[in-house]
N, C-alpha and C. Protein backbone atom coordinates (compact mmCIF):
# COMPACT_ATOMS: atom_id res chain seq x y z
N TRP A 1 77.21 126.08 90.10
CA TRP A 1 76.38 125.78 88.76
C TRP A 1 77.17 124.59 88.04
N ILE A 2 76.57 123.60 87.90
CA ILE A 2 77.53 122.50 87.23
C ILE A 2 76.67 122.22 86.05
N VAL A 3 77.35 122.03 84.92
CA VAL A 3 76.81 121.89 83.62
C VAL A 3 77.50 120.25 83.34
N ASP A 4 76.60 119.35 83.35
CA ASP A 4 77.10 117.66 83.01
C ASP A 4 77.32 117.63 81.39
N ALA A 5 77.88 116.64 81.10
CA ALA A 5 78.03 116.48 79.77
C ALA A 5 76.79 116.05 79.00
N ASP A 6 75.55 115.70 79.66
CA ASP A 6 74.66 115.95 78.76
C ASP A 6 73.73 117.21 79.10
N HIS A 7 74.54 118.24 79.26
CA HIS A 7 73.96 119.71 79.42
C HIS A 7 72.92 119.93 80.42
N LYS A 8 72.80 119.03 81.30
CA LYS A 8 71.83 119.23 82.42
C LYS A 8 72.57 120.00 83.26
N GLU A 9 71.73 121.23 83.82
CA GLU A 9 72.47 121.98 84.78
C GLU A 9 71.83 121.88 86.50
N THR A 10 72.98 121.91 87.36
CA THR A 10 72.56 122.04 88.66
C THR A 10 73.00 123.29 89.17
N THR A 11 72.36 123.56 89.98
CA THR A 11 72.90 124.90 91.00
C THR A 11 72.59 124.67 92.42
N LEU A 12 73.81 125.00 92.84
CA LEU A 12 73.82 124.22 94.59
C LEU A 12 74.21 125.69 95.29
N SER A 13 73.86 125.68 96.22
CA SER A 13 74.50 126.95 97.13
C SER A 13 75.77 126.46 98.00
N PHE A 14 76.52 127.35 98.48
CA PHE A 14 77.81 127.07 99.25
C PHE A 14 77.37 126.25 100.64
N ALA A 15 76.18 126.75 100.85
CA ALA A 15 75.63 126.04 102.16
C ALA A 15 75.16 124.74 101.77
N ALA A 16 74.62 124.34 100.87
CA ALA A 16 74.35 122.88 100.40
C ALA A 16 75.48 122.14 100.07
N LEU A 17 76.42 122.68 99.23
CA LEU A 17 77.56 122.22 99.36
C LEU A 17 78.59 121.52 100.55
N SER A 18 78.53 122.40 101.48
CA SER A 18 79.13 122.15 102.76
C SER A 18 78.69 121.03 103.24
N ARG A 19 77.11 120.94 103.42
CA ARG A 19 76.38 120.16 104.38
C ARG A 19 76.64 118.61 103.66
N ARG A 20 76.52 118.77 101.99
CA ARG A 20 76.68 117.49 101.55
C ARG A 20 78.07 116.93 101.31
N SER A 21 79.03 117.59 101.60
CA SER A 21 80.58 117.02 101.44
C SER A 21 80.56 117.12 102.77
N ASN A 22 80.20 117.39 103.86
CA ASN A 22 80.24 116.90 105.43
C ASN A 22 79.69 115.49 105.55
N GLN A 23 78.73 115.46 104.79
CA GLN A 23 77.96 113.84 104.80
C GLN A 23 78.91 112.86 103.96
N VAL A 24 79.55 113.36 102.74
CA VAL A 24 80.41 112.63 102.20
C VAL A 24 81.85 112.02 103.05
N ALA A 25 81.97 113.28 103.64
CA ALA A 25 83.43 113.09 104.72
C ALA A 25 83.23 112.16 105.84
N ASN A 26 81.96 112.19 106.30
CA ASN A 26 81.56 111.11 107.21
C ASN A 26 81.47 109.77 106.73
N PHE A 27 80.64 109.86 105.66
CA PHE A 27 80.72 108.19 104.86
C PHE A 27 82.05 107.76 104.43
N LEU A 28 82.92 108.40 103.98
CA LEU A 28 84.48 107.81 103.78
C LEU A 28 84.80 107.66 104.96
N ARG A 29 84.85 108.51 105.95
CA ARG A 29 85.30 108.16 107.37
C ARG A 29 84.89 106.67 107.72
N ALA A 30 83.73 106.62 107.63
CA ALA A 30 82.92 105.43 108.35
C ALA A 30 83.52 104.07 107.55
N GLN A 31 84.07 104.39 106.21
CA GLN A 31 84.72 103.16 105.22
C GLN A 31 86.19 103.14 105.87
N GLY A 32 86.67 103.79 106.88
CA GLY A 32 88.00 103.68 107.45
C GLY A 32 88.77 104.71 106.65
N LEU A 33 88.62 105.66 105.92
CA LEU A 33 89.24 106.64 105.27
C LEU A 33 89.99 107.63 106.31
N LYS A 34 91.28 107.94 106.48
CA LYS A 34 91.69 108.97 107.31
C LYS A 34 92.86 109.87 106.53
N ARG A 35 93.31 110.84 107.27
CA ARG A 35 94.17 111.84 106.74
C ARG A 35 95.61 111.07 106.37
N GLY A 36 95.64 111.44 104.95
CA GLY A 36 96.79 110.85 104.26
C GLY A 36 96.57 109.89 103.48
N ASP A 37 95.59 109.22 103.46
CA ASP A 37 95.24 108.18 102.57
C ASP A 37 95.03 108.60 101.18
N HIS A 38 94.94 107.83 100.18
CA HIS A 38 94.67 108.49 98.75
C HIS A 38 93.36 107.77 98.37
N LEU A 39 92.65 108.58 97.64
CA LEU A 39 91.63 108.28 96.57
C LEU A 39 91.57 108.62 95.36
N LEU A 40 91.30 107.67 94.58
CA LEU A 40 91.22 107.74 93.14
C LEU A 40 89.68 108.05 92.72
N LEU A 41 89.75 109.51 92.01
CA LEU A 41 88.35 109.64 91.74
C LEU A 41 88.11 109.82 90.01
N LEU A 42 87.24 108.90 89.62
CA LEU A 42 86.92 108.83 88.18
C LEU A 42 85.44 109.04 87.96
N LEU A 43 85.31 110.31 87.86
CA LEU A 43 83.76 110.81 87.35
C LEU A 43 83.99 112.13 86.73
N GLY A 44 82.83 111.99 85.79
CA GLY A 44 82.87 113.41 85.09
C GLY A 44 82.51 114.41 85.70
N ASN A 45 81.87 115.48 85.01
CA ASN A 45 81.72 116.76 85.82
C ASN A 45 80.07 116.82 86.34
N VAL A 46 80.22 116.22 87.46
CA VAL A 46 78.97 115.72 88.27
C VAL A 46 78.98 116.18 89.71
N VAL A 47 77.82 116.51 90.37
CA VAL A 47 77.88 116.94 91.63
C VAL A 47 78.66 116.13 92.52
N PRO A 48 78.73 114.60 92.48
CA PRO A 48 79.40 113.88 93.36
C PRO A 48 80.89 113.94 93.13
N LEU A 49 81.43 114.47 92.03
CA LEU A 49 82.63 114.81 91.94
C LEU A 49 83.18 115.95 93.07
N TRP A 50 82.36 117.16 92.94
CA TRP A 50 82.85 118.18 93.87
C TRP A 50 82.57 117.96 95.20
N GLU A 51 81.56 117.26 95.30
CA GLU A 51 80.98 116.78 96.74
C GLU A 51 82.25 116.05 97.61
N THR A 52 82.72 115.13 96.56
CA THR A 52 83.94 114.20 97.10
C THR A 52 85.09 115.24 97.12
N MET A 53 85.36 115.84 96.39
CA MET A 53 86.66 116.91 96.42
C MET A 53 86.66 117.64 97.67
N LEU A 54 85.40 118.12 98.19
CA LEU A 54 85.50 118.81 99.29
C LEU A 54 85.58 118.06 100.54
N ALA A 55 85.00 116.59 100.24
CA ALA A 55 85.05 116.09 101.47
C ALA A 55 86.43 115.56 101.98
N ALA A 56 87.11 115.03 100.75
CA ALA A 56 88.68 114.55 100.94
C ALA A 56 89.37 115.72 101.57
N MET A 57 89.11 116.98 101.11
CA MET A 57 89.76 118.17 101.90
C MET A 57 89.68 118.30 103.13
N LYS A 58 88.28 118.09 103.48
CA LYS A 58 88.17 118.19 104.93
C LYS A 58 88.65 116.96 105.39
N LEU A 59 88.76 115.62 105.01
CA LEU A 59 89.31 114.62 105.97
C LEU A 59 90.84 114.82 105.62
N GLY A 60 91.51 115.44 104.82
CA GLY A 60 93.01 115.59 104.75
C GLY A 60 93.13 114.47 103.60
N VAL A 61 92.46 113.80 103.06
CA VAL A 61 92.55 112.69 102.14
C VAL A 61 93.15 113.14 100.67
N VAL A 62 94.06 112.52 99.94
CA VAL A 62 94.62 113.14 99.06
C VAL A 62 93.95 112.21 97.51
N VAL A 63 93.30 113.36 96.73
CA VAL A 63 93.01 112.80 95.70
C VAL A 63 93.69 112.62 94.41
N ILE A 64 93.30 111.62 93.57
CA ILE A 64 94.04 111.32 92.60
C ILE A 64 93.03 111.55 91.35
N PRO A 65 92.84 112.63 90.85
CA PRO A 65 91.64 112.94 89.83
C PRO A 65 92.05 111.77 88.45
N ALA A 66 91.09 111.59 88.02
CA ALA A 66 91.40 110.58 86.58
C ALA A 66 90.50 110.63 85.64
N THR A 67 90.90 110.93 84.16
CA THR A 67 89.89 110.83 83.44
C THR A 67 89.36 109.57 83.12
N THR A 68 87.96 109.54 82.86
CA THR A 68 87.31 108.14 82.58
C THR A 68 87.50 107.76 81.26
N LEU A 69 88.65 107.96 80.66
CA LEU A 69 89.08 107.24 79.42
C LEU A 69 89.99 106.48 79.74
N LEU A 70 90.71 106.30 80.88
CA LEU A 70 91.82 105.28 81.26
C LEU A 70 91.28 103.88 80.95
N THR A 71 92.15 103.18 80.74
CA THR A 71 91.78 101.71 80.42
C THR A 71 92.29 100.99 81.47
N PRO A 72 91.64 99.80 81.74
CA PRO A 72 91.94 99.05 82.96
C PRO A 72 93.28 98.74 83.49
N ASP A 73 94.43 98.61 82.28
CA ASP A 73 95.96 98.56 82.48
C ASP A 73 96.61 99.96 83.23
N GLU A 74 95.92 101.11 82.61
CA GLU A 74 96.38 102.36 83.38
C GLU A 74 95.80 102.95 84.59
N LEU A 75 94.53 102.11 84.88
CA LEU A 75 93.63 102.11 85.96
C LEU A 75 94.89 101.38 87.15
N ARG A 76 95.06 100.29 86.91
CA ARG A 76 95.88 99.19 87.57
C ARG A 76 97.13 100.20 88.08
N ASP A 77 97.89 100.96 86.91
CA ASP A 77 99.08 101.74 87.28
C ASP A 77 98.75 102.78 88.36
N ARG A 78 97.76 103.60 88.14
CA ARG A 78 97.18 104.65 88.84
C ARG A 78 97.06 104.30 90.36
N LEU A 79 96.17 103.23 90.26
CA LEU A 79 95.91 102.28 91.76
C LEU A 79 97.16 102.16 92.33
N ASP A 80 98.25 101.32 91.57
CA ASP A 80 99.54 100.99 92.54
C ASP A 80 100.45 101.99 92.98
N ARG A 81 100.83 102.81 91.57
CA ARG A 81 101.90 103.94 91.86
C ARG A 81 101.23 105.17 92.92
N GLY A 82 99.67 105.25 92.60
CA GLY A 82 99.17 106.29 93.63
C GLY A 82 98.84 105.83 95.01
N ARG A 83 98.99 104.35 95.15
CA ARG A 83 98.59 103.94 96.48
C ARG A 83 97.36 104.20 96.87
N ALA A 84 96.10 104.23 95.98
CA ALA A 84 94.78 104.54 96.41
C ALA A 84 94.16 103.50 97.31
N ARG A 85 93.66 103.88 98.50
CA ARG A 85 92.84 103.26 99.65
C ARG A 85 91.48 102.82 98.98
N VAL A 86 91.24 103.84 98.20
CA VAL A 86 89.52 103.83 98.06
C VAL A 86 89.32 104.35 96.39
N VAL A 87 88.64 103.85 95.66
CA VAL A 87 88.16 104.75 94.44
C VAL A 87 86.48 104.73 94.55
N VAL A 88 86.31 106.29 93.83
CA VAL A 88 84.93 106.65 93.80
C VAL A 88 84.77 106.73 92.33
N ALA A 89 84.08 105.89 91.53
CA ALA A 89 83.86 105.92 90.20
C ALA A 89 82.29 106.05 89.92
N SER A 90 81.98 106.23 88.58
CA SER A 90 80.63 106.03 88.05
C SER A 90 80.26 104.77 87.51
N GLN A 91 79.05 104.45 87.38
CA GLN A 91 78.84 103.11 87.32
C GLN A 91 79.26 102.46 85.97
N ASP A 92 79.48 103.28 84.93
CA ASP A 92 80.28 102.94 83.61
C ASP A 92 81.69 102.90 83.33
N GLN A 93 82.08 102.99 84.88
CA GLN A 93 83.85 102.55 85.13
C GLN A 93 83.88 101.42 85.74
N VAL A 94 82.77 100.87 86.28
CA VAL A 94 82.89 99.53 87.31
C VAL A 94 83.60 98.57 86.59
N ALA A 95 83.22 97.98 85.43
CA ALA A 95 83.64 96.84 84.71
C ALA A 95 85.32 97.10 84.35
N LYS A 96 85.97 98.23 84.36
CA LYS A 96 87.23 98.29 83.98
C LYS A 96 88.03 97.87 85.33
N PHE A 97 87.49 97.71 86.53
CA PHE A 97 88.06 97.25 87.66
C PHE A 97 87.90 95.76 88.10
N ALA A 98 87.42 95.03 87.10
CA ALA A 98 87.01 93.49 87.25
C ALA A 98 88.63 92.99 87.42
N GLY A 99 89.01 92.08 88.09
CA GLY A 99 90.48 91.45 87.62
C GLY A 99 91.62 92.19 88.10
N LEU A 100 91.31 93.49 88.73
CA LEU A 100 92.36 94.15 89.40
C LEU A 100 92.83 93.79 90.78
N GLY A 101 92.23 93.09 91.29
CA GLY A 101 92.60 92.66 92.61
C GLY A 101 92.30 93.58 93.64
N SER A 102 93.50 93.71 94.45
CA SER A 102 93.45 95.07 95.51
C SER A 102 92.29 94.78 96.37
N GLU A 103 92.34 93.56 97.08
CA GLU A 103 91.19 93.49 97.66
C GLU A 103 90.99 94.36 99.03
N ASN A 104 92.14 94.97 99.52
CA ASN A 104 91.77 96.20 100.36
C ASN A 104 91.14 97.59 99.71
N LEU A 105 90.88 97.46 98.79
CA LEU A 105 90.43 98.60 98.02
C LEU A 105 89.22 99.01 98.30
N VAL A 106 88.59 100.21 98.76
CA VAL A 106 87.19 100.63 99.13
C VAL A 106 86.81 100.80 97.72
N ARG A 107 85.63 100.17 97.38
CA ARG A 107 85.01 100.58 96.03
C ARG A 107 83.75 101.22 96.24
N ILE A 108 83.64 102.28 95.70
CA ILE A 108 82.36 103.46 95.72
C ILE A 108 81.85 103.80 94.34
N VAL A 109 80.55 103.40 94.16
CA VAL A 109 80.02 103.64 92.70
C VAL A 109 78.73 104.73 93.05
N VAL A 110 79.07 105.63 92.18
CA VAL A 110 78.21 106.87 91.91
C VAL A 110 76.84 106.45 90.67
N GLY A 111 75.67 106.57 91.19
CA GLY A 111 74.71 106.70 90.36
C GLY A 111 74.37 105.30 89.81
N ALA A 112 74.54 104.10 90.51
CA ALA A 112 74.34 102.69 90.14
C ALA A 112 72.93 102.55 90.18
N ALA A 113 72.57 102.03 88.91
CA ALA A 113 71.18 101.76 88.73
C ALA A 113 70.72 100.11 89.33
N THR A 114 71.81 99.50 89.27
CA THR A 114 71.82 98.18 90.08
C THR A 114 72.90 98.17 91.04
N THR A 115 72.78 97.19 91.85
CA THR A 115 73.87 96.56 92.74
C THR A 115 75.19 96.09 92.03
N HIS A 116 76.61 96.25 92.57
CA HIS A 116 77.78 95.96 91.84
C HIS A 116 78.64 95.15 93.05
N ASP A 117 78.64 94.07 93.06
CA ASP A 117 79.38 93.13 93.84
C ASP A 117 80.40 93.71 94.43
N GLY A 118 80.77 94.15 95.58
CA GLY A 118 81.83 94.68 96.22
C GLY A 118 81.87 96.15 96.02
N TRP A 119 81.17 96.73 95.46
CA TRP A 119 81.02 98.25 95.66
C TRP A 119 80.06 98.74 96.47
N LEU A 120 80.31 99.67 97.15
CA LEU A 120 79.44 100.59 97.79
C LEU A 120 78.44 101.63 97.21
N PRO A 121 77.30 101.86 97.41
CA PRO A 121 76.57 102.89 96.65
C PRO A 121 76.99 104.20 97.22
N PHE A 122 77.48 105.18 96.68
CA PHE A 122 77.75 106.55 96.90
C PHE A 122 76.75 107.27 97.56
N GLU A 123 75.54 106.82 97.23
CA GLU A 123 74.13 107.46 97.54
C GLU A 123 73.86 107.13 98.91
N GLN A 124 74.45 106.23 99.70
CA GLN A 124 74.42 105.97 101.03
C GLN A 124 74.95 107.16 102.06
N ALA A 125 75.93 107.81 101.24
CA ALA A 125 76.32 109.22 102.23
C ALA A 125 75.23 110.01 102.70
N ALA A 126 74.13 110.05 101.88
CA ALA A 126 72.98 110.85 102.39
C ALA A 126 72.36 110.49 103.78
N ASN A 127 72.81 109.21 103.92
CA ASN A 127 72.46 108.92 105.46
C ASN A 127 73.46 109.31 106.54
N ALA A 128 74.52 109.73 106.37
CA ALA A 128 75.66 110.12 107.24
C ALA A 128 75.46 111.55 107.92
N PRO A 129 75.79 111.72 109.01
CA PRO A 129 75.54 112.93 109.47
C PRO A 129 75.86 114.09 109.00
N GLU A 130 75.27 115.58 109.02
CA GLU A 130 75.68 116.50 108.15
C GLU A 130 76.84 117.40 109.15
N ALA A 131 77.01 116.92 110.04
CA ALA A 131 78.03 117.80 111.06
C ALA A 131 79.12 116.92 110.69
N PHE A 132 80.44 117.68 110.42
CA PHE A 132 81.57 117.20 110.42
C PHE A 132 82.68 117.68 111.20
N ALA A 133 83.45 117.15 112.03
CA ALA A 133 84.36 117.56 112.82
C ALA A 133 85.83 117.07 112.36
N PRO A 134 86.63 117.78 111.90
CA PRO A 134 88.16 117.19 111.40
C PRO A 134 88.68 116.52 112.62
N ASP A 135 89.73 115.82 112.03
CA ASP A 135 90.55 115.06 113.31
C ASP A 135 91.77 116.28 113.65
N GLY A 136 92.02 117.20 113.05
CA GLY A 136 93.17 118.08 113.18
C GLY A 136 92.93 119.32 112.23
N PRO A 137 94.31 119.91 112.54
CA PRO A 137 94.29 121.12 111.41
C PRO A 137 94.89 120.72 110.13
N THR A 138 94.59 121.25 109.06
CA THR A 138 95.29 120.86 107.76
C THR A 138 96.09 122.13 107.48
N ASN A 139 97.61 121.64 107.17
CA ASN A 139 98.73 122.59 107.13
C ASN A 139 98.93 122.73 105.51
N ALA A 140 99.13 123.95 105.04
CA ALA A 140 99.34 124.51 103.86
C ALA A 140 100.19 123.38 103.17
N ASP A 141 101.23 122.92 103.82
CA ASP A 141 102.32 121.84 103.15
C ASP A 141 101.84 120.59 103.27
N ASP A 142 100.40 120.27 103.56
CA ASP A 142 99.98 118.85 103.26
C ASP A 142 99.53 118.47 102.15
N PRO A 143 99.57 117.25 101.67
CA PRO A 143 99.35 116.72 100.21
C PRO A 143 97.89 116.97 100.24
N MET A 144 97.51 117.34 99.02
CA MET A 144 95.85 117.60 98.45
C MET A 144 95.48 116.78 97.21
N LEU A 145 96.41 117.04 96.09
CA LEU A 145 96.13 116.21 95.05
C LEU A 145 97.65 115.38 94.65
N LEU A 146 97.29 114.38 93.93
CA LEU A 146 98.32 113.43 92.90
C LEU A 146 97.82 113.53 91.72
N TYR A 147 98.40 114.15 90.71
CA TYR A 147 98.36 114.22 89.33
C TYR A 147 99.19 113.15 88.73
N PHE A 148 98.60 112.65 87.57
CA PHE A 148 99.67 111.97 86.66
C PHE A 148 99.69 112.87 85.54
N THR A 149 101.02 113.09 84.92
CA THR A 149 101.14 113.64 83.78
C THR A 149 100.55 112.89 82.60
N SER A 150 100.60 113.78 81.34
CA SER A 150 99.94 113.15 80.32
C SER A 150 100.69 111.93 79.81
N GLY A 151 102.10 111.78 79.95
CA GLY A 151 102.89 110.58 79.43
C GLY A 151 102.98 110.21 78.18
N THR A 152 103.14 111.59 77.33
CA THR A 152 103.15 111.47 75.86
C THR A 152 104.30 110.91 75.39
N THR A 153 105.44 110.99 76.15
CA THR A 153 106.85 110.15 75.91
C THR A 153 107.30 109.12 76.70
N ALA A 154 106.78 108.80 77.62
CA ALA A 154 107.00 107.73 78.75
C ALA A 154 105.82 107.66 79.68
N LYS A 155 106.00 106.93 80.19
CA LYS A 155 104.90 106.35 81.39
C LYS A 155 104.60 107.64 82.31
N PRO A 156 103.37 108.11 82.39
CA PRO A 156 102.92 109.14 82.92
C PRO A 156 103.83 109.43 84.53
N LYS A 157 104.22 110.55 84.76
CA LYS A 157 104.70 110.87 86.16
C LYS A 157 103.78 111.19 86.89
N LEU A 158 103.89 110.98 88.35
CA LEU A 158 103.08 111.48 89.23
C LEU A 158 103.58 112.62 90.18
N VAL A 159 102.51 113.52 89.90
CA VAL A 159 103.01 115.04 90.80
C VAL A 159 102.22 115.30 92.04
N ARG A 160 102.86 115.59 92.91
CA ARG A 160 102.24 116.13 94.29
C ARG A 160 102.05 117.47 94.21
N HIS A 161 100.66 117.67 94.75
CA HIS A 161 100.32 119.38 94.99
C HIS A 161 99.85 119.23 96.54
N SER A 162 100.30 120.39 97.21
CA SER A 162 99.91 120.45 98.61
C SER A 162 98.70 121.23 98.43
N GLN A 163 98.36 121.66 99.82
CA GLN A 163 97.20 122.59 100.08
C GLN A 163 97.58 123.88 99.62
N ARG A 164 98.61 124.37 99.34
CA ARG A 164 99.17 125.51 99.37
C ARG A 164 99.17 125.70 97.69
N SER A 165 100.23 124.73 97.11
CA SER A 165 100.64 124.77 95.75
C SER A 165 99.68 124.82 94.62
N TYR A 166 98.59 123.80 94.77
CA TYR A 166 97.41 123.94 93.90
C TYR A 166 96.88 124.98 93.36
N PRO A 167 96.14 125.73 94.41
CA PRO A 167 95.25 126.68 94.42
C PRO A 167 96.14 127.96 93.70
């Protein structure tokens, strides 16, 4: 049960989330993502956030969750120090990435009303297969998340959480 910022409620079954996250995992894999790659996730509390988180876990892709309040300079820092290979962001975040370079960065936009040059629509994941096969086992000590601390006294620190340590 997800309640977004506009108080819109969405209820999904575990089976539906499993199927959708399989499709997102297959979509991300088709973009070249593989185990150990890093994904910057810049979404509010919306269904694609959870579909992407579950998909990343299935792929063994390490998620860097980020607040939508970040400035372009802060995003550049997250991309650089977090070694992100892909970014999944909402349409209102796209402009922040203008001029950030990183030609190898896969850019995926969620809920775009129009096309954005260089960005893939997240909604294309709905065309991916619902069956997913992992490339191997995920170990308890494999990385799962990279969090940046608040940075109230200095530049934010990068903290790694494993599949075991985060839960």
